[in-house]
Amino acid sequence: MKKKQIVVIGAGASGLMAAIMAAGNGAAVTILEQNERPGKKICATGNGKCNYTNLVMPEDAYRGTHPEFVNDALSQFSVEDTVEFFKKIGIYPLNKNGYLYPRSGQAQSVVEVLCMEAASLGVKIKTNEQAVSIEKNKSGRQDKTGKKFTVLTKGWHYEADAVILANGSRASSISGSDGSGYELAEKLGHKIVPVYPALTALKCKGTAFKTWAGVRTEGRISLFLDGNFYKSERGELQLTEYGISGIPVFQLSTYAIRAVKNGRRAELRVNFLPELSEKETEELLHYRKKNCPYKKEKELLTGLFPEKLIKVLTAQKHLVPAIREFTLEVTDGLAFSQAQVCSGGVDTGQVDPHTMESRLCPGVYLTGELLDIDGTCGGYNLQWAWSSGAAAGMHAAL
């Protein structure tokens, strides 16, 4: 029986997984990768260490217009399935409070074992091949080739029974993160939910930033949209010359940036002493003044906050509100090249959540960051790539 021919566009996380699953289910698979080697973005994740999944799954791990879209794929290829899959092909997990990394400490290991597994299944990986168009074959040509699609690159064409779009998003400074997958999907009739940087730092309105640039400090940051509380995060904050950064900021960035782009007011309120209540903060300052009456206001804060932050806090009219609710108005996020992922993408309402197959163009499947789904920090975006890629690969091979 002749094998089903599948072309996967993109040799990133979801593309490699889709190819492996399709080939493992009997398909003949070719991956088209526009970079000179596969998995370049995987190699950059987790500062080169690759947090490839997480054993803890919070309710808000995924965002998008329809975040529940992820549930079906995650149930078909779960976190447990991911851990076992990678163990089987060579990745021994290092568990850091639920965050899983390869024991080697190298993201490159993840790419290498995926490529080894793909090669063992006969997957062909064509590098330096950028797909520029997907053509649905007309009846006459379809009779001749027996294939539903022709994928055109700048120098060749590939016939396919099914095509898996796994191009990724515009995020990252890695070459090839150009958003070309959105264009391919759009040409096939798909709606693209506006794409913005996510998991990135935030630019804010103000003049104090040069003073506090370079400070790292513990804090709680709360996002208010049009004056209403939306969500808060706690952890190490990084104060920058343009605003604020750090993991807690990254977690809120997708909401803040989209709100600003839609003309809403996004405001951050930073509590630099979140472990204490307002009353306890007042009592602490009183205690410090009582024990050291010779100290000026700035000197009273020495040992409590970094020196640069003290200069900014004491420049405010009232000290306690400055410590507990330092207010910043968000103006934008950083560029796509400085974001870990994107929010927005192909409208998930036009994709079958079980198979990842397009509802508009049967035989075309879409995976990973190309879709209007983005995860929080902690391995969730890679887990989405593994799960959506596995679902697409398995069903495309049927």
Protein backbone atom coordinates (compact mmCIF):
# COMPACT_ATOMS: atom_id res chain seq x y z
CA MET A 1 0.00 0.00 0.00
CA LYS A 2 1.43 3.37 -1.01
CA LYS A 3 2.36 5.61 1.92
CA LYS A 4 0.55 8.87 2.52
CA GLN A 5 2.80 11.78 1.58
CA ILE A 6 2.95 14.55 4.17
CA VAL A 7 4.85 17.82 3.97
CA VAL A 8 5.58 19.60 7.25
CA ILE A 9 6.52 23.28 6.96
CA GLY A 10 8.89 24.17 9.78
CA ALA A 11 11.41 22.09 11.73
CA GLY A 12 10.77 23.65 15.11
CA ALA A 13 9.29 21.93 18.15
CA SER A 14 5.80 21.28 16.79
CA GLY A 15 7.06 20.49 13.30
CA LEU A 16 9.56 17.87 14.44
CA MET A 17 6.98 16.28 16.73
CA ALA A 18 4.34 16.26 13.98
CA ALA A 19 6.78 14.65 11.55
CA ILE A 20 7.80 11.95 14.04
CA MET A 21 4.19 11.09 14.86
CA ALA A 22 3.11 11.06 11.22
CA ALA A 23 6.04 8.87 10.18
CA GLY A 24 5.49 6.62 13.19
CA ASN A 25 1.95 6.10 11.94
CA GLY A 26 3.07 5.01 8.48
CA ALA A 27 3.33 8.25 6.48
CA ALA A 28 6.21 9.35 4.26
CA VAL A 29 7.21 12.73 5.66
CA THR A 30 9.27 15.62 4.33
CA ILE A 31 10.04 18.68 6.48
CA LEU A 32 10.81 21.99 4.80
CA GLU A 33 12.94 24.25 7.02
CA GLN A 34 13.99 27.69 5.87
CA ASN A 35 16.98 27.89 8.26
CA GLU A 36 20.27 26.09 7.71
CA ARG A 37 19.50 23.60 10.50
CA PRO A 38 16.43 22.38 12.41
CA GLY A 39 15.41 23.41 15.91
CA LYS A 40 17.24 26.74 16.17
CA LYS A 41 14.57 28.28 18.40
CA ILE A 42 14.49 25.21 20.68
CA CYS A 43 18.22 25.69 21.25
CA ALA A 44 17.61 29.21 22.53
CA THR A 45 14.85 28.32 25.01
CA GLY A 46 15.46 28.43 28.74
CA ASN A 47 18.75 30.29 28.23
CA GLY A 48 20.00 27.31 26.25
CA LYS A 49 18.83 24.74 28.81
CA CYS A 50 15.31 24.06 27.45
CA ASN A 51 12.52 23.88 30.00
CA TYR A 52 10.64 21.38 27.83
CA THR A 53 7.54 20.86 29.98
CA ASN A 54 6.10 21.38 33.46
CA LEU A 55 4.53 18.86 35.83
CA VAL A 56 2.27 21.57 37.30
CA MET A 57 -0.59 22.79 35.11
CA PRO A 58 -2.29 25.96 36.46
CA GLU A 59 -5.72 26.91 35.14
CA ASP A 60 -4.36 29.99 33.38
CA ALA A 61 -1.37 28.26 31.76
CA TYR A 62 -2.74 29.10 28.30
CA ARG A 63 -4.18 32.27 26.83
CA GLY A 64 -5.95 33.17 23.61
CA THR A 65 -9.41 34.05 22.37
CA HIS A 66 -10.41 30.45 23.19
CA PRO A 67 -7.82 29.09 25.66
CA GLU A 68 -9.91 25.94 26.16
CA PHE A 69 -8.88 24.96 22.62
CA VAL A 70 -5.73 23.37 24.07
CA ASN A 71 -7.58 20.79 26.17
CA ASP A 72 -8.19 18.17 23.51
CA ALA A 73 -4.61 18.07 22.22
CA LEU A 74 -3.23 18.07 25.77
CA SER A 75 -5.42 15.08 26.62
CA GLN A 76 -4.23 13.18 23.52
CA PHE A 77 -0.55 13.88 24.20
CA SER A 78 -0.27 14.85 27.84
CA VAL A 79 2.60 16.05 30.00
CA GLU A 80 3.06 12.44 31.13
CA ASP A 81 3.15 11.31 27.50
CA THR A 82 5.72 14.00 26.76
CA VAL A 83 7.98 12.93 29.62
CA GLU A 84 7.81 9.27 28.56
CA PHE A 85 8.34 10.13 24.89
CA PHE A 86 11.50 12.08 25.61
CA LYS A 87 12.78 9.44 28.03
CA LYS A 88 12.30 6.84 25.30
CA ILE A 89 14.31 8.81 22.73
CA GLY A 90 17.07 9.77 25.17
CA ILE A 91 16.19 12.80 27.33
CA TYR A 92 16.55 12.07 31.06
CA PRO A 93 14.57 14.74 32.94
CA LEU A 94 15.99 17.06 35.56
CA ASN A 95 13.12 18.19 37.80
CA LYS A 96 13.35 21.70 39.27
CA ASN A 97 10.16 22.18 41.28
CA GLY A 98 8.08 20.71 38.45
CA TYR A 99 10.01 22.48 35.68
CA LEU A 100 11.62 19.77 33.55
CA TYR A 101 14.96 20.20 31.77
CA PRO A 102 17.21 17.70 30.00
CA ARG A 103 19.74 16.27 32.47
CA SER A 104 22.49 17.31 30.06
CA GLY A 105 21.66 20.96 30.72
CA GLN A 106 21.71 21.57 26.97
CA ALA A 107 18.74 22.44 24.77
CA GLN A 108 20.73 21.14 21.83
CA SER A 109 20.23 17.61 23.26
CA VAL A 110 16.48 17.93 22.69
CA VAL A 111 16.97 18.89 19.05
CA GLU A 112 19.49 16.11 18.49
CA VAL A 113 17.31 13.31 19.85
CA LEU A 114 14.29 14.58 17.89
CA CYS A 115 16.33 14.61 14.68
CA MET A 116 17.72 11.14 15.42
CA GLU A 117 14.22 9.79 15.97
CA ALA A 118 12.94 11.48 12.82
CA ALA A 119 15.81 10.05 10.77
CA SER A 120 15.19 6.54 12.14
CA LEU A 121 11.60 6.80 10.85
CA GLY A 122 12.70 7.92 7.41
CA VAL A 123 11.72 11.59 7.76
CA LYS A 124 13.49 13.80 5.23
CA ILE A 125 14.52 17.24 6.47
CA LYS A 126 15.17 19.76 3.70
CA THR A 127 16.97 22.81 5.11
CA ASN A 128 17.27 26.22 3.45
CA GLU A 129 13.88 25.55 1.88
CA GLN A 130 11.29 28.26 2.43
CA ALA A 131 7.72 27.47 1.49
CA VAL A 132 6.20 30.39 -0.38
CA SER A 133 2.85 28.94 -1.42
CA ILE A 134 0.48 26.02 -0.90
CA GLU A 135 -1.64 25.20 -3.91
CA LYS A 136 -4.74 23.03 -3.80
CA ASN A 137 -4.44 20.88 -6.91
CA LYS A 138 -7.15 21.17 -9.54
CA SER A 139 -9.05 18.08 -10.57
CA GLY A 140 -7.00 17.44 -13.72
CA ARG A 141 -3.69 17.69 -11.96
CA GLN A 142 -5.04 15.81 -8.99
CA ASP A 143 -5.89 12.88 -11.29
CA LYS A 144 -2.32 12.93 -12.60
CA THR A 145 -0.41 13.16 -9.32
CA GLY A 146 -2.93 11.70 -6.94
CA LYS A 147 -2.00 14.46 -4.47
CA LYS A 148 -4.21 17.17 -2.99
CA PHE A 149 -1.52 19.84 -2.57
CA THR A 150 1.62 21.26 -4.11
CA VAL A 151 3.95 23.14 -1.77
CA LEU A 152 6.12 25.59 -3.65
CA THR A 153 9.49 26.80 -2.42
CA LYS A 154 11.81 29.27 -4.11
CA GLY A 155 13.55 26.47 -5.94
CA TRP A 156 11.31 23.39 -6.00
CA HIS A 157 7.82 21.97 -5.51
CA TYR A 158 6.62 19.14 -3.29
CA GLU A 159 3.45 17.12 -3.83
CA ALA A 160 1.50 16.13 -0.71
CA ASP A 161 -1.62 14.35 0.45
CA ALA A 162 -1.57 16.55 3.57
CA VAL A 163 0.32 19.62 4.74
CA ILE A 164 1.18 20.54 8.33
CA LEU A 165 1.85 24.23 8.96
CA ALA A 166 4.33 24.44 11.85
CA ASN A 167 6.11 27.68 10.96
CA GLY A 168 5.98 29.23 14.42
CA SER A 169 5.40 32.90 15.18
CA ARG A 170 7.18 36.21 14.72
CA ALA A 171 8.69 36.10 18.21
CA SER A 172 12.45 35.64 18.77
CA SER A 173 15.57 37.10 17.20
CA ILE A 174 16.26 33.71 15.58
CA SER A 175 16.34 33.98 11.80
CA GLY A 176 13.22 32.58 10.18
CA SER A 177 10.89 33.93 12.86
CA ASP A 178 9.25 36.06 10.22
CA GLY A 179 5.55 35.26 10.49
CA SER A 180 5.50 33.60 7.06
CA GLY A 181 3.16 30.92 8.40
CA TYR A 182 0.46 33.53 8.97
CA GLU A 183 0.66 34.51 5.31
CA LEU A 184 0.38 30.91 4.14
CA ALA A 185 -2.62 30.31 6.42
CA GLU A 186 -4.24 33.58 5.35
CA LYS A 187 -3.93 32.66 1.67
CA LEU A 188 -5.87 29.49 2.47
CA GLY A 189 -8.68 31.62 3.89
CA HIS A 190 -7.87 31.65 7.59
CA LYS A 191 -8.52 34.65 9.80
CA ILE A 192 -5.50 35.92 11.75
CA VAL A 193 -6.20 37.31 15.21
CA PRO A 194 -3.88 40.38 15.47
CA VAL A 195 -0.42 39.23 16.50
CA TYR A 196 1.52 41.03 19.26
CA PRO A 197 4.66 40.25 21.27
CA ALA A 198 4.08 38.28 24.51
CA LEU A 199 6.26 37.08 27.38
CA THR A 200 8.25 40.25 27.11
CA ALA A 201 9.13 43.38 29.07
CA LEU A 202 6.86 46.43 29.14
CA LYS A 203 7.57 50.02 28.19
CA CYS A 204 6.01 52.55 30.52
CA LYS A 205 5.36 56.29 30.67
CA GLY A 206 7.64 58.12 33.10
CA THR A 207 10.94 59.86 33.74
CA ALA A 208 12.38 57.90 36.69
CA PHE A 209 13.57 54.89 34.74
CA LYS A 210 17.17 55.96 34.14
CA THR A 211 17.52 56.35 37.90
CA TRP A 212 16.40 52.83 38.73
CA ALA A 213 17.76 51.01 35.65
CA GLY A 214 19.59 47.81 36.54
CA VAL A 215 17.79 47.13 39.83
CA ARG A 216 16.54 43.61 40.59
CA THR A 217 14.15 43.35 43.50
CA GLU A 218 11.35 41.18 44.85
CA GLY A 219 7.84 42.53 44.36
CA ARG A 220 4.22 41.98 43.42
CA ILE A 221 2.93 43.59 40.26
CA SER A 222 -0.77 44.06 39.54
CA LEU A 223 -2.35 44.87 36.19
CA PHE A 224 -5.34 47.21 36.02
CA LEU A 225 -7.27 47.62 32.77
CA ASP A 226 -9.32 50.82 32.49
CA GLY A 227 -8.96 51.18 36.25
CA ASN A 228 -10.19 47.68 37.10
CA PHE A 229 -7.97 45.03 38.68
CA TYR A 230 -7.23 42.22 36.23
CA LYS A 231 -4.40 40.00 37.46
CA SER A 232 -1.27 40.04 39.62
CA GLU A 233 2.03 38.17 39.76
CA ARG A 234 4.87 38.01 42.29
CA GLY A 235 8.60 37.39 41.91
CA GLU A 236 11.84 39.10 40.98
CA LEU A 237 11.31 42.33 39.06
CA GLN A 238 13.91 43.93 36.83
CA LEU A 239 13.71 47.70 36.62
CA THR A 240 14.87 49.05 33.27
CA GLU A 241 15.56 52.32 31.51
CA TYR A 242 12.30 51.98 29.54
CA GLY A 243 10.03 50.51 32.24
CA ILE A 244 9.94 47.10 33.86
CA SER A 245 10.83 43.47 33.16
CA GLY A 246 11.15 40.09 34.89
CA ILE A 247 9.10 36.88 34.89
CA PRO A 248 6.07 38.43 36.71
CA VAL A 249 5.96 41.16 34.04
CA PHE A 250 6.27 38.59 31.26
CA GLN A 251 3.25 36.75 32.63
CA LEU A 252 1.13 39.90 32.45
CA SER A 253 2.52 41.26 29.18
CA THR A 254 0.14 39.46 26.80
CA TYR A 255 -2.87 41.13 28.48
CA ALA A 256 -1.27 44.56 28.89
CA ILE A 257 0.03 44.83 25.32
CA ARG A 258 -3.23 43.65 23.72
CA ALA A 259 -5.18 46.12 25.88
CA VAL A 260 -2.96 49.05 24.83
CA LYS A 261 -3.18 48.06 21.15
CA ASN A 262 -6.98 48.05 21.50
CA GLY A 263 -7.00 51.59 22.92
CA ARG A 264 -7.50 50.64 26.57
CA ARG A 265 -5.57 52.01 29.54
CA ALA A 266 -3.20 49.46 31.04
CA GLU A 267 -1.69 50.36 34.39
CA LEU A 268 0.76 48.49 36.59
CA ARG A 269 0.85 48.92 40.35
CA VAL A 270 4.01 47.62 41.97
CA ASN A 271 4.25 46.58 45.62
CA PHE A 272 7.94 46.57 46.52
CA LEU A 273 7.24 45.07 49.98
CA PRO A 274 4.53 42.46 49.29
CA GLU A 275 5.28 40.36 52.35
CA LEU A 276 3.90 43.09 54.63
CA SER A 277 0.44 44.67 54.92
CA GLU A 278 -0.02 48.43 54.73
CA LYS A 279 -0.19 48.63 58.52
CA GLU A 280 2.91 46.47 58.92
CA THR A 281 4.77 48.64 56.41
CA GLU A 282 3.92 51.78 58.40
CA GLU A 283 4.95 50.06 61.63
CA LEU A 284 8.26 48.95 60.11
CA LEU A 285 9.12 52.47 58.97
CA HIS A 286 8.16 53.82 62.39
CA TYR A 287 10.32 51.18 64.09
CA ARG A 288 13.32 52.04 61.92
CA LYS A 289 12.91 55.75 62.63
CA LYS A 290 12.50 55.16 66.36
CA ASN A 291 15.69 53.10 66.56
CA CYS A 292 17.73 55.41 64.33
CA PRO A 293 16.30 58.93 64.76
CA TYR A 294 19.47 60.42 63.30
CA LYS A 295 18.72 58.97 59.86
CA LYS A 296 17.14 60.91 57.04
CA GLU A 297 14.31 59.36 55.00
CA LYS A 298 16.63 57.94 52.34
CA GLU A 299 18.94 56.49 54.98
CA LEU A 300 16.01 54.81 56.74
CA LEU A 301 15.43 52.68 53.65
CA THR A 302 19.05 51.53 53.35
CA GLY A 303 19.11 47.77 53.84
CA LEU A 304 15.46 47.50 52.86
CA PHE A 305 15.64 48.43 49.17
CA PRO A 306 18.45 48.84 46.60
CA GLU A 307 20.03 52.31 46.55
CA LYS A 308 18.73 53.24 43.08
CA LEU A 309 15.18 52.28 44.02
CA ILE A 310 15.40 54.31 47.24
CA LYS A 311 16.11 57.45 45.20
CA VAL A 312 12.94 56.90 43.16
CA LEU A 313 10.72 56.01 46.13
CA THR A 314 11.77 58.97 48.27
CA ALA A 315 11.18 61.35 45.34
CA GLN A 316 7.45 60.53 45.56
CA LYS A 317 5.04 62.66 47.57
CA HIS A 318 4.01 59.92 50.01
CA LEU A 319 6.41 57.11 50.89
CA VAL A 320 4.08 54.26 51.93
CA PRO A 321 1.88 54.47 48.79
CA ALA A 322 5.07 54.71 46.71
CA ILE A 323 6.35 51.48 48.28
CA ARG A 324 3.06 49.61 48.04
CA GLU A 325 1.42 50.96 44.88
CA PHE A 326 4.04 52.47 42.62
CA THR A 327 2.00 53.20 39.49
CA LEU A 328 3.20 52.79 35.91
CA GLU A 329 1.22 53.38 32.72
CA VAL A 330 2.05 50.85 30.02
CA THR A 331 2.69 52.30 26.57
CA ASP A 332 3.83 49.18 24.69
CA GLY A 333 5.85 45.98 24.80
CA LEU A 334 9.26 45.37 23.29
CA ALA A 335 9.77 44.31 19.67
CA PHE A 336 8.93 40.82 18.38
CA SER A 337 12.65 40.03 18.34
CA GLN A 338 12.77 40.52 22.12
CA ALA A 339 9.65 38.48 22.91
CA GLN A 340 9.62 34.80 23.80
CA VAL A 341 6.29 34.12 22.06
CA CYS A 342 3.40 35.95 20.40
CA SER A 343 -0.23 36.33 21.33
CA GLY A 344 -2.73 36.06 18.51
CA GLY A 345 -2.41 33.96 15.37
CA VAL A 346 -4.68 31.72 13.30
CA ASP A 347 -8.25 31.83 14.63
CA THR A 348 -8.73 28.56 16.55
CA GLY A 349 -12.43 28.61 15.70
CA GLN A 350 -11.38 27.61 12.18
CA VAL A 351 -9.38 24.58 13.37
CA ASP A 352 -10.59 21.22 14.72
CA PRO A 353 -9.24 21.03 18.31
CA HIS A 354 -9.01 17.22 18.19
CA THR A 355 -7.14 16.76 14.92
CA MET A 356 -5.61 20.24 14.36
CA GLU A 357 -7.07 20.07 10.84
CA SER A 358 -8.31 23.23 9.17
CA ARG A 359 -12.10 23.45 8.98
CA LEU A 360 -11.69 25.59 5.85
CA CYS A 361 -9.13 23.53 3.99
CA PRO A 362 -9.28 19.79 4.74
CA GLY A 363 -5.86 18.18 4.55
CA VAL A 364 -4.10 21.21 6.05
CA TYR A 365 -3.15 21.03 9.74
CA LEU A 366 -1.90 23.85 11.97
CA THR A 367 0.22 23.61 15.11
CA GLY A 368 2.04 25.41 17.90
CA GLU A 369 2.66 29.14 18.01
CA LEU A 370 1.03 29.67 14.63
CA LEU A 371 -2.35 29.36 16.37
CA ASP A 372 -4.02 31.93 18.62
CA ILE A 373 -2.67 30.24 21.75
CA ASP A 374 0.19 31.35 23.98
CA GLY A 375 1.35 29.96 27.30
CA THR A 376 2.87 31.40 30.44
CA CYS A 377 6.56 31.01 31.27
CA GLY A 378 7.59 27.58 32.49
CA GLY A 379 7.63 25.14 29.59
CA TYR A 380 3.96 25.56 28.66
CA ASN A 381 4.59 26.89 25.16
CA LEU A 382 6.83 23.93 24.37
CA GLN A 383 4.24 21.55 25.82
CA TRP A 384 1.67 23.10 23.48
CA ALA A 385 4.08 22.56 20.59
CA TRP A 386 4.57 18.88 21.51
CA SER A 387 0.84 18.24 22.05
CA SER A 388 -0.50 20.09 19.02
CA GLY A 389 2.26 18.69 16.82
CA ALA A 390 1.60 15.14 18.00
CA ALA A 391 -2.15 15.49 17.38
CA ALA A 392 -1.62 16.93 13.91
CA GLY A 393 0.94 14.30 12.96
CA MET A 394 -1.16 11.37 14.16
CA HIS A 395 -4.35 12.52 12.43
CA ALA A 396 -2.68 13.69 9.22
CA ALA A 397 -1.26 10.18 8.79
CA LEU A 398 -4.69 8.52 8.92
